[in-house]
Amino acid sequence: MKDKKEKITIKSIWKWLRSDKGKKYSFVVFYFFFFIFLFIVMSFPNNIENKDNNQTDIEETSLLFSTSNIEEDNINFNYLVKIDNDTNIYLVNKINKSIKVEYNNETYNYYYENGNLKPASDTDLDIFYQLLDVFEVKRILKSSKFVSKTEYSDGTFIYNYEIDNETLSGYLNTLVLDSSLKNSINVIIKDNKVFSMKFDLKNLINSSNVLTKQVSLYEINLNYGDIDE
């Protein structure tokens, strides 16, 4: 009766490697496993990098609409403020890394420093200049809660968001007494482009010291479509 073939186990492999015949091939086995280990280790950074890239892609595409038309280097739009019965319109011109705002025949300048928008002088307009920066606006929207979407027969869409005082005040550098109150943001999309945004900030304003009185209306409208000049 023929002997059964010996099963290959870790113990049998180790015994073979220690034999005279196995020692001749031990260096081959060593480098074989060494290169497998090296290949696995070298693949880790690529996996991490791909993970980071995927997270970036998710972050950049997390909005429900495209903002490419308001991210251009050269763009004009209106920054309109409604406070009760008063309305003020600021004409905004962005050219590359600088932003110029015109109001009452005066010009006010802003510039980017380390990716953050800043006023060129201390005696600047009394506005939330952070909203002049489209990327700051995108960050605000991504920190807001999506509430609803309205579609009209002409192809216009309105995306409705809300954001609490605590979160919004962090973006606008404003101190608030009641951090839980909500503010609404409406984004109007026409022809697959951002047409305008409306920020209803009454709760933020009445909870802060931005104004010396309580208001019944405080809205900021960013109009990228029909520009008043």
C-alpha atoms as a PDB file:
ATOM      1  CA  MET A   1       0.000   0.000   0.000  1.00  0.00           C
ATOM      2  CA  LYS A   2       1.419   3.362  -1.016  1.00  0.00           C
ATOM      3  CA  ASP A   3       2.182   5.955   1.632  1.00  0.00           C
ATOM      4  CA  LYS A   4      -0.136   8.912   1.739  1.00  0.00           C
ATOM      5  CA  LYS A   5       1.337  12.229   0.665  1.00  0.00           C
ATOM      6  CA  GLU A   6       2.473  14.346   3.579  1.00  0.00           C
ATOM      7  CA  LYS A   7       0.253  17.385   4.153  1.00  0.00           C
ATOM      8  CA  ILE A   8       1.881  20.784   3.642  1.00  0.00           C
ATOM      9  CA  THR A   9       1.789  22.770   6.878  1.00  0.00           C
ATOM     10  CA  ILE A  10       3.699  25.683   8.345  1.00  0.00           C
ATOM     11  CA  LYS A  11       5.622  23.167  10.437  1.00  0.00           C
ATOM     12  CA  SER A  12       6.560  21.070   7.379  1.00  0.00           C
ATOM     13  CA  ILE A  13       7.637  24.175   5.437  1.00  0.00           C
ATOM     14  CA  TRP A  14       9.775  25.348   8.340  1.00  0.00           C
ATOM     15  CA  LYS A  15      11.329  21.844   8.605  1.00  0.00           C
ATOM     16  CA  TRP A  16      12.078  21.852   4.876  1.00  0.00           C
ATOM     17  CA  LEU A  17      13.687  25.311   5.019  1.00  0.00           C
ATOM     18  CA  ARG A  18      16.023  24.087   7.771  1.00  0.00           C
ATOM     19  CA  SER A  19      17.089  21.062   5.719  1.00  0.00           C
ATOM     20  CA  ASP A  20      20.193  21.152   3.515  1.00  0.00           C
ATOM     21  CA  LYS A  21      18.041  21.288   0.388  1.00  0.00           C
ATOM     22  CA  GLY A  22      15.756  23.962   1.790  1.00  0.00           C
ATOM     23  CA  LYS A  23      18.636  26.209   2.815  1.00  0.00           C
ATOM     24  CA  LYS A  24      19.615  26.524  -0.844  1.00  0.00           C
ATOM     25  CA  TYR A  25      16.262  28.162  -1.608  1.00  0.00           C
ATOM     26  CA  SER A  26      15.712  30.031   1.656  1.00  0.00           C
ATOM     27  CA  PHE A  27      17.004  33.324   0.266  1.00  0.00           C
ATOM     28  CA  VAL A  28      14.566  33.057  -2.654  1.00  0.00           C
ATOM     29  CA  VAL A  29      11.667  32.498  -0.279  1.00  0.00           C
ATOM     30  CA  PHE A  30      12.839  35.387   1.893  1.00  0.00           C
ATOM     31  CA  TYR A  31      12.950  37.896  -0.973  1.00  0.00           C
ATOM     32  CA  PHE A  32       9.646  36.618  -2.331  1.00  0.00           C
ATOM     33  CA  PHE A  33       7.837  37.442   0.914  1.00  0.00           C
ATOM     34  CA  PHE A  34       9.883  40.641   1.355  1.00  0.00           C
ATOM     35  CA  PHE A  35       8.719  42.057  -1.982  1.00  0.00           C
ATOM     36  CA  ILE A  36       5.114  41.095  -1.210  1.00  0.00           C
ATOM     37  CA  PHE A  37       5.364  42.989   2.089  1.00  0.00           C
ATOM     38  CA  LEU A  38       7.005  45.967   0.366  1.00  0.00           C
ATOM     39  CA  PHE A  39       4.254  46.065  -2.257  1.00  0.00           C
ATOM     40  CA  ILE A  40       1.528  46.112   0.426  1.00  0.00           C
ATOM     41  CA  VAL A  41       3.234  48.900   2.385  1.00  0.00           C
ATOM     42  CA  MET A  42       3.758  51.049  -0.720  1.00  0.00           C
ATOM     43  CA  SER A  43       0.096  50.731  -1.633  1.00  0.00           C
ATOM     44  CA  PHE A  44      -1.114  52.325   1.649  1.00  0.00           C
ATOM     45  CA  PRO A  45      -0.290  56.003   0.787  1.00  0.00           C
ATOM     46  CA  ASN A  46      -2.181  55.717  -2.487  1.00  0.00           C
ATOM     47  CA  ASN A  47      -5.226  54.390  -0.690  1.00  0.00           C
ATOM     48  CA  ILE A  48      -5.072  57.259   1.820  1.00  0.00           C
ATOM     49  CA  GLU A  49      -4.613  59.814  -0.941  1.00  0.00           C
ATOM     50  CA  ASN A  50      -7.546  58.445  -2.882  1.00  0.00           C
ATOM     51  CA  LYS A  51      -9.662  58.552   0.267  1.00  0.00           C
ATOM     52  CA  ASP A  52      -8.769  62.206   0.824  1.00  0.00           C
ATOM     53  CA  ASN A  53      -9.528  63.029  -2.797  1.00  0.00           C
ATOM     54  CA  ASN A  54     -12.885  61.300  -2.551  1.00  0.00           C
ATOM     55  CA  GLN A  55     -13.708  63.285   0.591  1.00  0.00           C
ATOM     56  CA  THR A  56     -12.809  66.511  -1.250  1.00  0.00           C
ATOM     57  CA  ASP A  57     -15.023  65.542  -4.174  1.00  0.00           C
ATOM     58  CA  ILE A  58     -17.903  64.828  -1.821  1.00  0.00           C
ATOM     59  CA  GLU A  59     -17.443  68.164  -0.096  1.00  0.00           C
ATOM     60  CA  GLU A  60     -17.269  70.124  -3.358  1.00  0.00           C
ATOM     61  CA  THR A  61     -20.359  68.441  -4.804  1.00  0.00           C
ATOM     62  CA  SER A  62     -22.478  68.338  -1.636  1.00  0.00           C
ATOM     63  CA  LEU A  63     -24.651  71.262  -2.767  1.00  0.00           C
ATOM     64  CA  LEU A  64     -27.748  70.355  -4.743  1.00  0.00           C
ATOM     65  CA  PHE A  65     -26.910  72.810  -7.534  1.00  0.00           C
ATOM     66  CA  SER A  66     -23.895  74.138  -9.399  1.00  0.00           C
ATOM     67  CA  THR A  67     -22.249  77.424  -8.346  1.00  0.00           C
ATOM     68  CA  SER A  68     -19.750  77.573 -11.212  1.00  0.00           C
ATOM     69  CA  ASN A  69     -21.253  80.737 -12.711  1.00  0.00           C
ATOM     70  CA  ILE A  70     -20.578  82.750  -9.535  1.00  0.00           C
ATOM     71  CA  GLU A  71     -17.069  81.363  -9.041  1.00  0.00           C
ATOM     72  CA  GLU A  72     -15.610  83.066 -12.100  1.00  0.00           C
ATOM     73  CA  ASP A  73     -12.582  85.344 -11.688  1.00  0.00           C
ATOM     74  CA  ASN A  74     -14.421  88.326 -13.196  1.00  0.00           C
ATOM     75  CA  ILE A  75     -18.013  88.799 -12.086  1.00  0.00           C
ATOM     76  CA  ASN A  76     -20.414  91.629 -11.211  1.00  0.00           C
ATOM     77  CA  PHE A  77     -23.343  91.336  -8.817  1.00  0.00           C
ATOM     78  CA  ASN A  78     -25.514  93.343  -6.439  1.00  0.00           C
ATOM     79  CA  TYR A  79     -25.384  93.183  -2.665  1.00  0.00           C
ATOM     80  CA  LEU A  80     -28.779  94.504  -1.574  1.00  0.00           C
ATOM     81  CA  VAL A  81     -29.722  95.146   2.067  1.00  0.00           C
ATOM     82  CA  LYS A  82     -33.314  95.620   3.253  1.00  0.00           C
ATOM     83  CA  ILE A  83     -33.795  96.930   6.796  1.00  0.00           C
ATOM     84  CA  ASP A  84     -37.472  97.541   7.546  1.00  0.00           C
ATOM     85  CA  ASN A  85     -38.450 100.263   5.026  1.00  0.00           C
ATOM     86  CA  ASP A  86     -34.905 101.122   3.907  1.00  0.00           C
ATOM     87  CA  THR A  87     -33.097  99.528   0.975  1.00  0.00           C
ATOM     88  CA  ASN A  88     -29.432  99.962   0.077  1.00  0.00           C
ATOM     89  CA  ILE A  89     -27.798  98.586  -3.067  1.00  0.00           C
ATOM     90  CA  TYR A  90     -24.057  97.943  -3.306  1.00  0.00           C
ATOM     91  CA  LEU A  91     -22.473  97.260  -6.702  1.00  0.00           C
ATOM     92  CA  VAL A  92     -19.856  94.546  -6.482  1.00  0.00           C
ATOM     93  CA  ASN A  93     -17.087  93.878  -8.986  1.00  0.00           C
ATOM     94  CA  LYS A  94     -14.786  90.913  -8.461  1.00  0.00           C
ATOM     95  CA  ILE A  95     -11.561  90.787 -10.494  1.00  0.00           C
ATOM     96  CA  ASN A  96      -9.313  87.827  -9.733  1.00  0.00           C
ATOM     97  CA  LYS A  97      -8.215  88.133  -6.081  1.00  0.00           C
ATOM     98  CA  SER A  98      -9.721  91.545  -5.340  1.00  0.00           C
ATOM     99  CA  ILE A  99     -13.269  92.823  -4.859  1.00  0.00           C
ATOM    100  CA  LYS A 100     -14.466  96.386  -5.333  1.00  0.00           C
ATOM    101  CA  VAL A 101     -17.736  97.647  -3.828  1.00  0.00           C
ATOM    102  CA  GLU A 102     -19.354 100.915  -4.950  1.00  0.00           C
ATOM    103  CA  TYR A 103     -21.879 102.734  -2.782  1.00  0.00           C
ATOM    104  CA  ASN A 104     -22.959 106.413  -2.830  1.00  0.00           C
ATOM    105  CA  ASN A 105     -20.183 107.316  -5.269  1.00  0.00           C
ATOM    106  CA  GLU A 106     -17.594 105.834  -2.925  1.00  0.00           C
ATOM    107  CA  THR A 107     -15.407 102.810  -3.613  1.00  0.00           C
ATOM    108  CA  TYR A 108     -14.413 100.225  -1.030  1.00  0.00           C
ATOM    109  CA  ASN A 109     -11.838  97.520  -1.667  1.00  0.00           C
ATOM    110  CA  TYR A 110     -11.369  94.000  -0.354  1.00  0.00           C
ATOM    111  CA  TYR A 111      -8.622  91.494  -1.022  1.00  0.00           C
ATOM    112  CA  TYR A 112      -7.761  87.862  -0.334  1.00  0.00           C
ATOM    113  CA  GLU A 113      -5.034  87.016   2.149  1.00  0.00           C
ATOM    114  CA  ASN A 114      -4.204  83.347   2.725  1.00  0.00           C
ATOM    115  CA  GLY A 115      -7.529  82.413   1.172  1.00  0.00           C
ATOM    116  CA  ASN A 116      -9.588  84.750   3.400  1.00  0.00           C
ATOM    117  CA  LEU A 117     -11.331  87.905   2.225  1.00  0.00           C
ATOM    118  CA  LYS A 118     -10.425  91.061   4.175  1.00  0.00           C
ATOM    119  CA  PRO A 119     -11.223  94.781   3.915  1.00  0.00           C
ATOM    120  CA  ALA A 120      -8.392  96.953   2.642  1.00  0.00           C
ATOM    121  CA  SER A 121      -8.990  99.536   5.394  1.00  0.00           C
ATOM    122  CA  ASP A 122     -10.528  99.714   8.876  1.00  0.00           C
ATOM    123  CA  THR A 123     -13.019 102.404   7.864  1.00  0.00           C
ATOM    124  CA  ASP A 124     -14.994 100.186   5.544  1.00  0.00           C
ATOM    125  CA  LEU A 125     -18.645  99.600   4.749  1.00  0.00           C
ATOM    126  CA  ASP A 126     -20.918  98.411   7.523  1.00  0.00           C
ATOM    127  CA  ILE A 127     -21.890  95.187   5.720  1.00  0.00           C
ATOM    128  CA  PHE A 128     -21.266  91.487   6.172  1.00  0.00           C
ATOM    129  CA  TYR A 129     -18.388  91.470   3.708  1.00  0.00           C
ATOM    130  CA  GLN A 130     -17.957  87.699   4.176  1.00  0.00           C
ATOM    131  CA  LEU A 131     -20.963  87.252   1.881  1.00  0.00           C
ATOM    132  CA  LEU A 132     -18.976  88.901  -0.925  1.00  0.00           C
ATOM    133  CA  ASP A 133     -16.885  85.732  -0.999  1.00  0.00           C
ATOM    134  CA  VAL A 134     -18.666  82.967  -2.915  1.00  0.00           C
ATOM    135  CA  PHE A 135     -16.595  80.280  -1.219  1.00  0.00           C
ATOM    136  CA  GLU A 136     -17.602  81.546   2.219  1.00  0.00           C
ATOM    137  CA  VAL A 137     -21.214  81.555   1.044  1.00  0.00           C
ATOM    138  CA  LYS A 138     -20.810  77.932  -0.064  1.00  0.00           C
ATOM    139  CA  ARG A 139     -19.426  77.007   3.337  1.00  0.00           C
ATOM    140  CA  ILE A 140     -22.433  78.658   4.978  1.00  0.00           C
ATOM    141  CA  LEU A 141     -24.830  76.731   2.749  1.00  0.00           C
ATOM    142  CA  LYS A 142     -23.068  73.448   3.453  1.00  0.00           C
ATOM    143  CA  SER A 143     -23.392  74.132   7.188  1.00  0.00           C
ATOM    144  CA  SER A 144     -27.099  74.882   6.787  1.00  0.00           C
ATOM    145  CA  LYS A 145     -29.985  72.430   6.880  1.00  0.00           C
ATOM    146  CA  PHE A 146     -31.737  71.805   3.576  1.00  0.00           C
ATOM    147  CA  VAL A 147     -35.470  72.315   4.131  1.00  0.00           C
ATOM    148  CA  SER A 148     -37.239  72.102   0.780  1.00  0.00           C
ATOM    149  CA  LYS A 149     -37.076  72.638  -2.966  1.00  0.00           C
ATOM    150  CA  THR A 150     -39.672  74.413  -5.088  1.00  0.00           C
ATOM    151  CA  GLU A 151     -39.894  73.978  -8.858  1.00  0.00           C
ATOM    152  CA  TYR A 152     -41.767  76.340 -11.201  1.00  0.00           C
ATOM    153  CA  SER A 153     -43.103  75.741 -14.704  1.00  0.00           C
ATOM    154  CA  ASP A 154     -40.495  78.036 -16.287  1.00  0.00           C
ATOM    155  CA  GLY A 155     -37.661  75.828 -15.004  1.00  0.00           C
ATOM    156  CA  THR A 156     -36.826  78.000 -12.000  1.00  0.00           C
ATOM    157  CA  PHE A 157     -35.863  76.244  -8.763  1.00  0.00           C
ATOM    158  CA  ILE A 158     -35.770  77.626  -5.228  1.00  0.00           C
ATOM    159  CA  TYR A 159     -33.718  75.775  -2.623  1.00  0.00           C
ATOM    160  CA  ASN A 160     -34.654  76.628   0.959  1.00  0.00           C
ATOM    161  CA  TYR A 161     -32.215  76.293   3.869  1.00  0.00           C
ATOM    162  CA  GLU A 162     -32.090  77.259   7.527  1.00  0.00           C
ATOM    163  CA  ILE A 163     -29.130  77.891   9.805  1.00  0.00           C
ATOM    164  CA  ASP A 164     -29.018  78.661  13.516  1.00  0.00           C
ATOM    165  CA  ASN A 165     -27.558  81.831  15.025  1.00  0.00           C
ATOM    166  CA  GLU A 166     -24.625  80.035  16.619  1.00  0.00           C
ATOM    167  CA  THR A 167     -23.361  78.551  13.358  1.00  0.00           C
ATOM    168  CA  LEU A 168     -23.988  81.615  11.212  1.00  0.00           C
ATOM    169  CA  SER A 169     -22.485  84.059  13.715  1.00  0.00           C
ATOM    170  CA  GLY A 170     -19.230  82.105  13.500  1.00  0.00           C
ATOM    171  CA  TYR A 171     -19.005  82.819   9.772  1.00  0.00           C
ATOM    172  CA  LEU A 172     -20.038  86.463  10.098  1.00  0.00           C
ATOM    173  CA  ASN A 173     -17.906  87.254  13.178  1.00  0.00           C
ATOM    174  CA  THR A 174     -20.955  88.348  15.176  1.00  0.00           C
ATOM    175  CA  LEU A 175     -21.785  87.772  18.842  1.00  0.00           C
ATOM    176  CA  VAL A 176     -25.339  86.631  19.581  1.00  0.00           C
ATOM    177  CA  LEU A 177     -27.341  86.254  22.791  1.00  0.00           C
ATOM    178  CA  ASP A 178     -29.732  83.532  21.585  1.00  0.00           C
ATOM    179  CA  SER A 179     -27.772  80.946  19.602  1.00  0.00           C
ATOM    180  CA  SER A 180     -30.719  78.640  18.901  1.00  0.00           C
ATOM    181  CA  LEU A 181     -32.803  80.966  16.694  1.00  0.00           C
ATOM    182  CA  LYS A 182     -32.986  80.048  13.012  1.00  0.00           C
ATOM    183  CA  ASN A 183     -32.289  82.116   9.905  1.00  0.00           C
ATOM    184  CA  SER A 184     -33.486  81.233   6.412  1.00  0.00           C
ATOM    185  CA  ILE A 185     -31.597  81.212   3.130  1.00  0.00           C
ATOM    186  CA  ASN A 186     -33.242  80.926  -0.293  1.00  0.00           C
ATOM    187  CA  VAL A 187     -31.248  80.164  -3.435  1.00  0.00           C
ATOM    188  CA  ILE A 188     -32.903  80.809  -6.814  1.00  0.00           C
ATOM    189  CA  ILE A 189     -31.645  78.811  -9.812  1.00  0.00           C
ATOM    190  CA  LYS A 190     -32.487  79.818 -13.391  1.00  0.00           C
ATOM    191  CA  ASP A 191     -31.162  78.103 -16.511  1.00  0.00           C
ATOM    192  CA  ASN A 192     -29.020  75.880 -14.272  1.00  0.00           C
ATOM    193  CA  LYS A 193     -27.225  78.937 -12.878  1.00  0.00           C
ATOM    194  CA  VAL A 194     -27.363  80.708  -9.515  1.00  0.00           C
ATOM    195  CA  PHE A 195     -29.605  83.718 -10.134  1.00  0.00           C
ATOM    196  CA  SER A 196     -29.846  85.114  -6.596  1.00  0.00           C
ATOM    197  CA  MET A 197     -29.650  84.308  -2.887  1.00  0.00           C
ATOM    198  CA  LYS A 198     -31.698  85.773  -0.066  1.00  0.00           C
ATOM    199  CA  PHE A 199     -30.516  85.722   3.548  1.00  0.00           C
ATOM    200  CA  ASP A 200     -33.254  86.477   6.088  1.00  0.00           C
ATOM    201  CA  LEU A 201     -31.129  87.517   9.086  1.00  0.00           C
ATOM    202  CA  LYS A 202     -33.708  89.150  11.340  1.00  0.00           C
ATOM    203  CA  ASN A 203     -33.140  86.650  14.153  1.00  0.00           C
ATOM    204  CA  LEU A 204     -29.387  87.045  13.946  1.00  0.00           C
ATOM    205  CA  ILE A 205     -29.558  90.842  13.969  1.00  0.00           C
ATOM    206  CA  ASN A 206     -32.067  91.102  16.818  1.00  0.00           C
ATOM    207  CA  SER A 207     -29.910  88.770  18.915  1.00  0.00           C
ATOM    208  CA  SER A 208     -26.755  90.821  18.372  1.00  0.00           C
ATOM    209  CA  ASN A 209     -25.491  94.370  18.779  1.00  0.00           C
ATOM    210  CA  VAL A 210     -25.147  95.002  15.034  1.00  0.00           C
ATOM    211  CA  LEU A 211     -27.994  97.513  15.247  1.00  0.00           C
ATOM    212  CA  THR A 212     -29.107  99.667  18.152  1.00  0.00           C
ATOM    213  CA  LYS A 213     -32.768  98.726  17.684  1.00  0.00           C
ATOM    214  CA  GLN A 214     -34.911  95.701  17.016  1.00  0.00           C
ATOM    215  CA  VAL A 215     -36.066  95.280  13.417  1.00  0.00           C
ATOM    216  CA  SER A 216     -38.992  93.517  11.792  1.00  0.00           C
ATOM    217  CA  LEU A 217     -37.085  92.937   8.538  1.00  0.00           C
ATOM    218  CA  TYR A 218     -33.417  92.414   7.758  1.00  0.00           C
ATOM    219  CA  GLU A 219     -32.591  90.786   4.435  1.00  0.00           C
ATOM    220  CA  ILE A 220     -29.468  90.543   2.330  1.00  0.00           C
ATOM    221  CA  ASN A 221     -29.939  89.705  -1.344  1.00  0.00           C
ATOM    222  CA  LEU A 222     -27.079  88.677  -3.604  1.00  0.00           C
ATOM    223  CA  ASN A 223     -28.307  89.236  -7.165  1.00  0.00           C
ATOM    224  CA  TYR A 224     -26.192  87.634  -9.881  1.00  0.00           C
ATOM    225  CA  GLY A 225     -28.796  87.837 -12.643  1.00  0.00           C
ATOM    226  CA  ASP A 226     -30.454  91.205 -13.319  1.00  0.00           C
ATOM    227  CA  ILE A 227     -27.843  93.715 -12.114  1.00  0.00           C
ATOM    228  CA  ASP A 228     -28.952  97.223 -11.104  1.00  0.00           C
ATOM    229  CA  GLU A 229     -26.332  99.835 -11.964  1.00  0.00           C
END
